[in-house]
Amino acid sequence: MRIEDELKALEPFRRALPSTEKRLFDELLTGVRNRRTAGGMLPSHEVWKPMLLSMIVEVMAHNQQLQRRLDALEHNGLGGHERDDS
């Protein structure tokens, strides 16, 4: 319940965001909620660490999904340009 309380405390910050960023912020908060079990494995006195780690994992998951889509497009010859990984 402490994490949910912390997330609710972020509502003024959320309200100040532009509507396009509110959606992104909501996705991060959903990621935190989806990873509560993992966050529960960390010391209970540090609420923000599991929240931030969950947000980072959420961003990484989105990046990985995008990378897979990009790789599939490039593999199918739909990418248009060769990637330069240098």
PDB file of N, CA and C in Angstrom:
ATOM      1  N   MET A   1       0.824  -1.204   0.000  1.00  0.00           N
ATOM      2  CA  MET A   1       0.000   0.000   0.000  1.00  0.00           C
ATOM      3  C   MET A   1       0.865   1.264   0.000  1.00  0.00           C
ATOM      4  N   ARG A   2       2.073   1.175   0.530  1.00  0.00           N
ATOM      5  CA  ARG A   2       2.931   2.352   0.577  1.00  0.00           C
ATOM      6  C   ARG A   2       3.291   2.843  -0.820  1.00  0.00           C
ATOM      7  N   ILE A   3       3.551   1.916  -1.725  1.00  0.00           N
ATOM      8  CA  ILE A   3       3.887   2.327  -3.091  1.00  0.00           C
ATOM      9  C   ILE A   3       2.699   3.036  -3.722  1.00  0.00           C
ATOM     10  N   GLU A   4       1.501   2.502  -3.527  1.00  0.00           N
ATOM     11  CA  GLU A   4       0.306   3.150  -4.083  1.00  0.00           C
ATOM     12  C   GLU A   4       0.131   4.549  -3.500  1.00  0.00           C
ATOM     13  N   ASP A   5       0.420   4.712  -2.217  1.00  0.00           N
ATOM     14  CA  ASP A   5       0.350   6.042  -1.600  1.00  0.00           C
ATOM     15  C   ASP A   5       1.347   6.996  -2.245  1.00  0.00           C
ATOM     16  N   GLU A   6       2.551   6.507  -2.507  1.00  0.00           N
ATOM     17  CA  GLU A   6       3.563   7.335  -3.169  1.00  0.00           C
ATOM     18  C   GLU A   6       3.122   7.704  -4.581  1.00  0.00           C
ATOM     19  N   LEU A   7       2.532   6.750  -5.284  1.00  0.00           N
ATOM     20  CA  LEU A   7       2.058   7.027  -6.644  1.00  0.00           C
ATOM     21  C   LEU A   7       0.953   8.075  -6.621  1.00  0.00           C
ATOM     22  N   LYS A   8       0.058   7.986  -5.652  1.00  0.00           N
ATOM     23  CA  LYS A   8      -1.018   8.981  -5.530  1.00  0.00           C
ATOM     24  C   LYS A   8      -0.455  10.364  -5.206  1.00  0.00           C
ATOM     25  N   ALA A   9       0.639  10.392  -4.442  1.00  0.00           N
ATOM     26  CA  ALA A   9       1.260  11.672  -4.095  1.00  0.00           C
ATOM     27  C   ALA A   9       1.854  12.366  -5.316  1.00  0.00           C
ATOM     28  N   LEU A  10       2.047  11.624  -6.401  1.00  0.00           N
ATOM     29  CA  LEU A  10       2.599  12.194  -7.636  1.00  0.00           C
ATOM     30  C   LEU A  10       1.527  12.842  -8.510  1.00  0.00           C
ATOM     31  N   GLU A  11       0.278  12.798  -8.087  1.00  0.00           N
ATOM     32  CA  GLU A  11      -0.822  13.333  -8.901  1.00  0.00           C
ATOM     33  C   GLU A  11      -0.644  14.816  -9.248  1.00  0.00           C
ATOM     34  N   PRO A  12      -0.193  15.689  -8.327  1.00  0.00           N
ATOM     35  CA  PRO A  12       0.017  17.092  -8.728  1.00  0.00           C
ATOM     36  C   PRO A  12       1.049  17.226  -9.854  1.00  0.00           C
ATOM     37  N   PHE A  13       2.094  16.422  -9.796  1.00  0.00           N
ATOM     38  CA  PHE A  13       3.093  16.416 -10.868  1.00  0.00           C
ATOM     39  C   PHE A  13       2.446  15.982 -12.177  1.00  0.00           C
ATOM     40  N   ARG A  14       1.650  14.916 -12.124  1.00  0.00           N
ATOM     41  CA  ARG A  14       0.980  14.404 -13.315  1.00  0.00           C
ATOM     42  C   ARG A  14       0.057  15.462 -13.928  1.00  0.00           C
ATOM     43  N   ARG A  15      -0.701  16.149 -13.082  1.00  0.00           N
ATOM     44  CA  ARG A  15      -1.636  17.174 -13.582  1.00  0.00           C
ATOM     45  C   ARG A  15      -0.909  18.292 -14.318  1.00  0.00           C
ATOM     46  N   ALA A  16       0.322  18.580 -13.921  1.00  0.00           N
ATOM     47  CA  ALA A  16       1.079  19.665 -14.549  1.00  0.00           C
ATOM     48  C   ALA A  16       1.695  19.263 -15.883  1.00  0.00           C
ATOM     49  N   LEU A  17       1.698  17.976 -16.200  1.00  0.00           N
ATOM     50  CA  LEU A  17       2.287  17.509 -17.455  1.00  0.00           C
ATOM     51  C   LEU A  17       1.361  17.796 -18.635  1.00  0.00           C
ATOM     52  N   PRO A  18       1.924  18.007 -19.820  1.00  0.00           N
ATOM     53  CA  PRO A  18       1.088  18.088 -21.024  1.00  0.00           C
ATOM     54  C   PRO A  18       0.374  16.753 -21.237  1.00  0.00           C
ATOM     55  N   SER A  19      -0.750  16.778 -21.911  1.00  0.00           N
ATOM     56  CA  SER A  19      -1.557  15.556 -22.073  1.00  0.00           C
ATOM     57  C   SER A  19      -0.771  14.420 -22.727  1.00  0.00           C
ATOM     58  N   THR A  20       0.096  14.720 -23.671  1.00  0.00           N
ATOM     59  CA  THR A  20       0.879  13.654 -24.311  1.00  0.00           C
ATOM     60  C   THR A  20       1.836  12.996 -23.321  1.00  0.00           C
ATOM     61  N   GLU A  21       2.351  13.765 -22.385  1.00  0.00           N
ATOM     62  CA  GLU A  21       3.268  13.212 -21.398  1.00  0.00           C
ATOM     63  C   GLU A  21       2.536  12.525 -20.251  1.00  0.00           C
ATOM     64  N   LYS A  22       1.300  12.922 -19.995  1.00  0.00           N
ATOM     65  CA  LYS A  22       0.504  12.240 -18.962  1.00  0.00           C
ATOM     66  C   LYS A  22       0.353  10.766 -19.312  1.00  0.00           C
ATOM     67  N   ARG A  23       0.101  10.485 -20.568  1.00  0.00           N
ATOM     68  CA  ARG A  23      -0.059   9.095 -21.004  1.00  0.00           C
ATOM     69  C   ARG A  23       1.223   8.321 -20.767  1.00  0.00           C
ATOM     70  N   LEU A  24       2.356   8.926 -21.087  1.00  0.00           N
ATOM     71  CA  LEU A  24       3.645   8.263 -20.875  1.00  0.00           C
ATOM     72  C   LEU A  24       3.903   8.047 -19.387  1.00  0.00           C
ATOM     73  N   PHE A  25       3.605   9.049 -18.590  1.00  0.00           N
ATOM     74  CA  PHE A  25       3.788   8.937 -17.145  1.00  0.00           C
ATOM     75  C   PHE A  25       2.887   7.834 -16.583  1.00  0.00           C
ATOM     76  N   ASP A  26       1.661   7.774 -17.066  1.00  0.00           N
ATOM     77  CA  ASP A  26       0.735   6.722 -16.622  1.00  0.00           C
ATOM     78  C   ASP A  26       1.278   5.336 -16.958  1.00  0.00           C
ATOM     79  N   GLU A  27       1.922   5.199 -18.112  1.00  0.00           N
ATOM     80  CA  GLU A  27       2.516   3.912 -18.473  1.00  0.00           C
ATOM     81  C   GLU A  27       3.621   3.523 -17.500  1.00  0.00           C
ATOM     82  N   LEU A  28       4.417   4.507 -17.079  1.00  0.00           N
ATOM     83  CA  LEU A  28       5.458   4.220 -16.093  1.00  0.00           C
ATOM     84  C   LEU A  28       4.843   3.766 -14.767  1.00  0.00           C
ATOM     85  N   LEU A  29       3.790   4.459 -14.345  1.00  0.00           N
ATOM     86  CA  LEU A  29       3.145   4.088 -13.085  1.00  0.00           C
ATOM     87  C   LEU A  29       2.506   2.706 -13.176  1.00  0.00           C
ATOM     88  N   THR A  30       1.961   2.376 -14.322  1.00  0.00           N
ATOM     89  CA  THR A  30       1.411   1.035 -14.522  1.00  0.00           C
ATOM     90  C   THR A  30       2.520  -0.002 -14.412  1.00  0.00           C
ATOM     91  N   GLY A  31       3.686   0.325 -14.960  1.00  0.00           N
ATOM     92  CA  GLY A  31       4.831  -0.575 -14.842  1.00  0.00           C
ATOM     93  C   GLY A  31       5.224  -0.806 -13.397  1.00  0.00           C
ATOM     94  N   VAL A  32       5.158   0.242 -12.586  1.00  0.00           N
ATOM     95  CA  VAL A  32       5.450   0.103 -11.153  1.00  0.00           C
ATOM     96  C   VAL A  32       4.434  -0.840 -10.516  1.00  0.00           C
ATOM     97  N   ARG A  33       3.169  -0.616 -10.826  1.00  0.00           N
ATOM     98  CA  ARG A  33       2.118  -1.471 -10.242  1.00  0.00           C
ATOM     99  C   ARG A  33       2.286  -2.931 -10.677  1.00  0.00           C
ATOM    100  N   ASN A  34       2.679  -3.134 -11.919  1.00  0.00           N
ATOM    101  CA  ASN A  34       2.844  -4.500 -12.433  1.00  0.00           C
ATOM    102  C   ASN A  34       4.046  -5.222 -11.827  1.00  0.00           C
ATOM    103  N   ARG A  35       4.951  -4.471 -11.239  1.00  0.00           N
ATOM    104  CA  ARG A  35       6.176  -5.073 -10.690  1.00  0.00           C
ATOM    105  C   ARG A  35       6.241  -4.980  -9.167  1.00  0.00           C
ATOM    106  N   ARG A  36       5.100  -4.890  -8.519  1.00  0.00           N
ATOM    107  CA  ARG A  36       5.065  -4.781  -7.059  1.00  0.00           C
ATOM    108  C   ARG A  36       5.728  -5.959  -6.374  1.00  0.00           C
ATOM    109  N   THR A  37       5.544  -7.138  -6.905  1.00  0.00           N
ATOM    110  CA  THR A  37       6.137  -8.325  -6.286  1.00  0.00           C
ATOM    111  C   THR A  37       7.651  -8.214  -6.271  1.00  0.00           C
ATOM    112  N   ALA A  38       8.235  -7.816  -7.395  1.00  0.00           N
ATOM    113  CA  ALA A  38       9.689  -7.653  -7.456  1.00  0.00           C
ATOM    114  C   ALA A  38      10.133  -6.546  -6.506  1.00  0.00           C
ATOM    115  N   GLY A  39       9.385  -5.466  -6.475  1.00  0.00           N
ATOM    116  CA  GLY A  39       9.726  -4.367  -5.581  1.00  0.00           C
ATOM    117  C   GLY A  39       9.665  -4.761  -4.120  1.00  0.00           C
ATOM    118  N   GLY A  40       8.806  -5.710  -3.804  1.00  0.00           N
ATOM    119  CA  GLY A  40       8.686  -6.188  -2.435  1.00  0.00           C
ATOM    120  C   GLY A  40       9.900  -6.955  -1.952  1.00  0.00           C
ATOM    121  N   MET A  41      10.802  -7.299  -2.863  1.00  0.00           N
ATOM    122  CA  MET A  41      12.002  -8.023  -2.485  1.00  0.00           C
ATOM    123  C   MET A  41      13.088  -7.092  -1.927  1.00  0.00           C
ATOM    124  N   LEU A  42      12.883  -5.783  -2.060  1.00  0.00           N
ATOM    125  CA  LEU A  42      13.849  -4.808  -1.543  1.00  0.00           C
ATOM    126  C   LEU A  42      13.428  -4.368  -0.139  1.00  0.00           C
ATOM    127  N   PRO A  43      14.349  -3.780   0.624  1.00  0.00           N
ATOM    128  CA  PRO A  43      14.013  -3.333   1.981  1.00  0.00           C
ATOM    129  C   PRO A  43      12.769  -2.443   1.991  1.00  0.00           C
ATOM    130  N   SER A  44      11.912  -2.669   2.952  1.00  0.00           N
ATOM    131  CA  SER A  44      10.612  -1.997   2.982  1.00  0.00           C
ATOM    132  C   SER A  44      10.690  -0.508   3.320  1.00  0.00           C
ATOM    133  N   HIS A  45      11.797  -0.038   3.856  1.00  0.00           N
ATOM    134  CA  HIS A  45      11.885   1.373   4.217  1.00  0.00           C
ATOM    135  C   HIS A  45      12.244   2.264   3.026  1.00  0.00           C
ATOM    136  N   GLU A  46      12.561   1.681   1.893  1.00  0.00           N
ATOM    137  CA  GLU A  46      12.940   2.450   0.707  1.00  0.00           C
ATOM    138  C   GLU A  46      11.895   2.265  -0.384  1.00  0.00           C
ATOM    139  N   VAL A  47      10.910   3.127  -0.390  1.00  0.00           N
ATOM    140  CA  VAL A  47       9.813   3.016  -1.354  1.00  0.00           C
ATOM    141  C   VAL A  47      10.245   3.422  -2.755  1.00  0.00           C
ATOM    142  N   TRP A  48      11.085   4.453  -2.862  1.00  0.00           N
ATOM    143  CA  TRP A  48      11.424   4.993  -4.175  1.00  0.00           C
ATOM    144  C   TRP A  48      12.338   4.104  -4.992  1.00  0.00           C
ATOM    145  N   LYS A  49      13.223   3.350  -4.354  1.00  0.00           N
ATOM    146  CA  LYS A  49      14.117   2.500  -5.135  1.00  0.00           C
ATOM    147  C   LYS A  49      13.355   1.491  -5.984  1.00  0.00           C
ATOM    148  N   PRO A  50      12.439   0.698  -5.419  1.00  0.00           N
ATOM    149  CA  PRO A  50      11.711  -0.242  -6.283  1.00  0.00           C
ATOM    150  C   PRO A  50      10.848   0.461  -7.326  1.00  0.00           C
ATOM    151  N   MET A  51      10.323   1.645  -6.975  1.00  0.00           N
ATOM    152  CA  MET A  51       9.523   2.384  -7.950  1.00  0.00           C
ATOM    153  C   MET A  51      10.383   2.808  -9.136  1.00  0.00           C
ATOM    154  N   LEU A  52      11.551   3.377  -8.862  1.00  0.00           N
ATOM    155  CA  LEU A  52      12.428   3.824  -9.949  1.00  0.00           C
ATOM    156  C   LEU A  52      12.949   2.647 -10.763  1.00  0.00           C
ATOM    157  N   LEU A  53      13.319   1.569 -10.090  1.00  0.00           N
ATOM    158  CA  LEU A  53      13.771   0.390 -10.819  1.00  0.00           C
ATOM    159  C   LEU A  53      12.662  -0.143 -11.724  1.00  0.00           C
ATOM    160  N   SER A  54      11.439  -0.153 -11.228  1.00  0.00           N
ATOM    161  CA  SER A  54      10.310  -0.611 -12.041  1.00  0.00           C
ATOM    162  C   SER A  54      10.092   0.281 -13.246  1.00  0.00           C
ATOM    163  N   MET A  55      10.260   1.578 -13.062  1.00  0.00           N
ATOM    164  CA  MET A  55      10.108   2.510 -14.177  1.00  0.00           C
ATOM    165  C   MET A  55      11.199   2.283 -15.217  1.00  0.00           C
ATOM    166  N   ILE A  56      12.414   2.051 -14.758  1.00  0.00           N
ATOM    167  CA  ILE A  56      13.513   1.791 -15.695  1.00  0.00           C
ATOM    168  C   ILE A  56      13.241   0.503 -16.472  1.00  0.00           C
ATOM    169  N   VAL A  57      12.788  -0.524 -15.784  1.00  0.00           N
ATOM    170  CA  VAL A  57      12.475  -1.787 -16.461  1.00  0.00           C
ATOM    171  C   VAL A  57      11.355  -1.572 -17.474  1.00  0.00           C
ATOM    172  N   GLU A  58      10.371  -0.765 -17.124  1.00  0.00           N
ATOM    173  CA  GLU A  58       9.263  -0.467 -18.045  1.00  0.00           C
ATOM    174  C   GLU A  58       9.788   0.201 -19.320  1.00  0.00           C
ATOM    175  N   VAL A  59      10.667   1.174 -19.170  1.00  0.00           N
ATOM    176  CA  VAL A  59      11.247   1.858 -20.330  1.00  0.00           C
ATOM    177  C   VAL A  59      12.080   0.877 -21.161  1.00  0.00           C
ATOM    178  N   MET A  60      12.858   0.045 -20.484  1.00  0.00           N
ATOM    179  CA  MET A  60      13.668  -0.945 -21.199  1.00  0.00           C
ATOM    180  C   MET A  60      12.784  -1.938 -21.959  1.00  0.00           C
ATOM    181  N   ALA A  61      11.676  -2.336 -21.365  1.00  0.00           N
ATOM    182  CA  ALA A  61      10.757  -3.260 -22.036  1.00  0.00           C
ATOM    183  C   ALA A  61      10.188  -2.615 -23.296  1.00  0.00           C
ATOM    184  N   HIS A  62       9.828  -1.339 -23.209  1.00  0.00           N
ATOM    185  CA  HIS A  62       9.328  -0.633 -24.394  1.00  0.00           C
ATOM    186  C   HIS A  62      10.421  -0.513 -25.451  1.00  0.00           C
ATOM    187  N   ASN A  63      11.629  -0.200 -25.014  1.00  0.00           N
ATOM    188  CA  ASN A  63      12.748  -0.105 -25.965  1.00  0.00           C
ATOM    189  C   ASN A  63      12.996  -1.441 -26.655  1.00  0.00           C
ATOM    190  N   GLN A  64      12.953  -2.514 -25.890  1.00  0.00           N
ATOM    191  CA  GLN A  64      13.175  -3.837 -26.467  1.00  0.00           C
ATOM    192  C   GLN A  64      12.081  -4.179 -27.487  1.00  0.00           C
ATOM    193  N   GLN A  65      10.855  -3.838 -27.166  1.00  0.00           N
ATOM    194  CA  GLN A  65       9.754  -4.091 -28.102  1.00  0.00           C
ATOM    195  C   GLN A  65       9.969  -3.310 -29.401  1.00  0.00           C
ATOM    196  N   LEU A  66      10.361  -2.062 -29.272  1.00  0.00           N
ATOM    197  CA  LEU A  66      10.636  -1.252 -30.464  1.00  0.00           C
ATOM    198  C   LEU A  66      11.810  -1.805 -31.262  1.00  0.00           C
ATOM    199  N   GLN A  67      12.848  -2.256 -30.565  1.00  0.00           N
ATOM    200  CA  GLN A  67      14.007  -2.824 -31.241  1.00  0.00           C
ATOM    201  C   GLN A  67      13.617  -4.070 -32.028  1.00  0.00           C
ATOM    202  N   ARG A  68      12.781  -4.904 -31.442  1.00  0.00           N
ATOM    203  CA  ARG A  68      12.322  -6.115 -32.148  1.00  0.00           C
ATOM    204  C   ARG A  68      11.526  -5.742 -33.399  1.00  0.00           C
ATOM    205  N   ARG A  69      10.685  -4.734 -33.279  1.00  0.00           N
ATOM    206  CA  ARG A  69       9.905  -4.304 -34.444  1.00  0.00           C
ATOM    207  C   ARG A  69      10.827  -3.752 -35.522  1.00  0.00           C
ATOM    208  N   LEU A  70      11.796  -2.959 -35.125  1.00  0.00           N
ATOM    209  CA  LEU A  70      12.755  -2.400 -36.070  1.00  0.00           C
ATOM    210  C   LEU A  70      13.558  -3.507 -36.743  1.00  0.00           C
ATOM    211  N   ASP A  71      14.033  -4.467 -35.946  1.00  0.00           N
ATOM    212  CA  ASP A  71      14.787  -5.587 -36.505  1.00  0.00           C
ATOM    213  C   ASP A  71      13.946  -6.366 -37.508  1.00  0.00           C
ATOM    214  N   ALA A  72      12.671  -6.579 -37.187  1.00  0.00           N
ATOM    215  CA  ALA A  72      11.785  -7.311 -38.095  1.00  0.00           C
ATOM    216  C   ALA A  72      11.604  -6.537 -39.396  1.00  0.00           C
ATOM    217  N   LEU A  73      11.424  -5.224 -39.302  1.00  0.00           N
ATOM    218  CA  LEU A  73      11.277  -4.400 -40.500  1.00  0.00           C
ATOM    219  C   LEU A  73      12.543  -4.451 -41.349  1.00  0.00           C
ATOM    220  N   GLU A  74      13.687  -4.348 -40.697  1.00  0.00           N
ATOM    221  CA  GLU A  74      14.947  -4.396 -41.443  1.00  0.00           C
ATOM    222  C   GLU A  74      15.157  -5.772 -42.058  1.00  0.00           C
ATOM    223  N   HIS A  75      14.806  -6.806 -41.353  1.00  0.00           N
ATOM    224  CA  HIS A  75      14.952  -8.175 -41.853  1.00  0.00           C
ATOM    225  C   HIS A  75      14.061  -8.409 -43.081  1.00  0.00           C
ATOM    226  N   ASN A  76      12.892  -7.784 -43.069  1.00  0.00           N
ATOM    227  CA  ASN A  76      11.954  -7.934 -44.183  1.00  0.00           C
ATOM    228  C   ASN A  76      12.202  -6.921 -45.290  1.00  0.00           C
ATOM    229  N   GLY A  77      13.284  -6.145 -45.150  1.00  0.00           N
ATOM    230  CA  GLY A  77      13.626  -5.179 -46.194  1.00  0.00           C
ATOM    231  C   GLY A  77      12.756  -3.951 -46.206  1.00  0.00           C
ATOM    232  N   LEU A  78      12.077  -3.679 -45.101  1.00  0.00           N
ATOM    233  CA  LEU A  78      11.174  -2.534 -45.049  1.00  0.00           C
ATOM    234  C   LEU A  78      11.765  -1.360 -44.281  1.00  0.00           C
ATOM    235  N   GLY A  79      12.992  -1.518 -43.818  1.00  0.00           N
ATOM    236  CA  GLY A  79      13.609  -0.482 -42.992  1.00  0.00           C
ATOM    237  C   GLY A  79      14.028   0.748 -43.772  1.00  0.00           C
ATOM    238  N   GLY A  80      14.312   0.591 -45.048  1.00  0.00           N
ATOM    239  CA  GLY A  80      14.687   1.732 -45.875  1.00  0.00           C
ATOM    240  C   GLY A  80      16.147   2.092 -45.815  1.00  0.00           C
ATOM    241  N   HIS A  81      16.737   2.099 -44.637  1.00  0.00           N
ATOM    242  CA  HIS A  81      18.135   2.478 -44.469  1.00  0.00           C
ATOM    243  C   HIS A  81      18.848   1.417 -43.660  1.00  0.00           C
ATOM    244  N   GLU A  82      20.120   1.264 -43.948  1.00  0.00           N
ATOM    245  CA  GLU A  82      20.950   0.374 -43.121  1.00  0.00           C
ATOM    246  C   GLU A  82      21.228   1.064 -41.813  1.00  0.00           C
ATOM    247  N   ARG A  83      21.248   0.314 -40.740  1.00  0.00           N
ATOM    248  CA  ARG A  83      21.585   0.874 -39.440  1.00  0.00           C
ATOM    249  C   ARG A  83      23.090   1.030 -39.320  1.00  0.00           C
ATOM    250  N   ASP A  84      23.467   2.105 -38.675  1.00  0.00           N
ATOM    251  CA  ASP A  84      24.881   2.336 -38.393  1.00  0.00           C
ATOM    252  C   ASP A  84      25.065   2.229 -36.887  1.00  0.00           C
ATOM    253  N   ASP A  85      25.573   1.082 -36.435  1.00  0.00           N
ATOM    254  CA  ASP A  85      25.742   0.849 -34.998  1.00  0.00           C
ATOM    255  C   ASP A  85      27.097   1.285 -34.485  1.00  0.00           C
ATOM    256  N   SER A  86      27.847   2.036 -35.275  1.00  0.00           N
ATOM    257  CA  SER A  86      29.192   2.432 -34.837  1.00  0.00           C
ATOM    258  C   SER A  86      29.142   3.598 -33.882  1.00  0.00           C
TER     259      SER A  86
END
